[in-house]
Amino acid sequence: MPLPHHPVAVVGAGLGGLALARVLHVHGMAAAVFDADASPAARTQGGMLDIHEDSGQEALRAAGLHEAFLTRVHPGGQALRVLGRDGAVHLAESDDGAGGRPEIDRGDLRGLLLDSLPEGTVRWGAKVTGARPLGDGRHEVTLADGGAFTTGLLVGADGAWSRVRPLLSAARPAYTGVSFVEADLLDADARHPGAAEVVGGGMLFALGAGRGFLGHRESDGSLHVYAAVEAPEDWLDGIDFTDTEAARTTVLKEFDGWHESLRALLAEADGALVPRRIHALPAGHRWARTPGVTLLGDAAHLMSPFAGEGANLALLDGAELGLAIAAHPGDTEAALAAYEERMFPRAEASAAESARSGAMLFRSDAPRGLLEMFAGEPG
């Protein structure tokens, strides 16, 4: 009995994979999206995203969702505060509504994309374990439940540790030298008024040499905080995150001497602390044109989060790939070549910018580098 066949198969129902499926749908074409999660609600989707005018918003226009997106943005979310480790405020900007990077909850944006797709587009609980070429650009994809299918166009939208990437490249993400510990402060104005004042209405950067607190206010009134530490790759292995109080004490030792209002962002956090190493693919990662398969988003160009480009590039990748497929009916190779020709240089520039920003944020004279960047001065 022949295996099920899908003309276009997308591995991963993140923002990029969903943007691709939506743009194809707008152009009367179907995609089958496979995701390992059991349902759309299986995992929390992370915090706020700033969606850039020239990338993420362009993708949403191509998807016919820009107006709906604007109704879901977080008013005031583009506010910005930059502090030093002593708690001194070096920069405080309010959100006057004129900025080009409105903030939206990642879950709300993903929900907007999911709701725009025909029912059944996403196959939940479908974990891809591998793929192999069959010739003529066709691939066979295997699933963890023992199932398999074939496809005429395979798109890896499956993130940092992509199962599709090995078809194209031997590259693997490398540790960037920075680790995060994520924390949440719930109902902040009522329960954590000091922390709410420190973070403000939008984004916080509280920076020192090799350390920092990055935070933002979410649309539900909570605060999401990242304690960032330049540390060896095995630093987090020495912390028992099943014991939240012990983990909190260990991480706070990295911020000895910091102002108590900043330490409180971790000291007062609600719930579990979440460790996260920051990885990146080499800037300029690319591959030779390979029939019937390509990558988008983090699978193609994983980078550190320090330029705010990851989600925006994933959206734009998905939209541009969908537009290229629609513009080259019946010629998959021409579509993939056109997409990759635009994507590779864009991703290389953003990855280099992200690496520079990461180095700048935690300089020995932090937060000076960030202040110079916002002032338009050479860093």
Foldseek 3Di string as FASTA:
>chain_A
DAAAEFAAEEEDLAQLSLLLQLLLVVLVHHYAYEYQAQDLVRDQDDFKAFAAQVFQLVSCVSSVCNVVVVVAFAPFAVWEWEAELQLDTPDTGTCPPPDRTTMHTSSVSSVSSVVSHPPNSYDYNWAWDAWDDPPPQKIWTATPVGGIYMYNAYEYAPAQQTRQLVVFDPWHWDFLQKKKKKFKAPLCVPPPVLLCVSQDAHWYWYAAAQWTKIWTQGNRRMIMIITMGRDPPCPVVPADQVPQVRNLVVSCVVSPPGHPSRNCVSVVTDDTIDMGTQIWTDQLDDGDQDRRYDYFANSRTRAGCQVSCRSRRSSRLSSQLSVLCSVDPPCNSSSVVVSCVVSRVVSNVVRVVRSVRVCQQNHNPPPVSVVCVVVVHDD
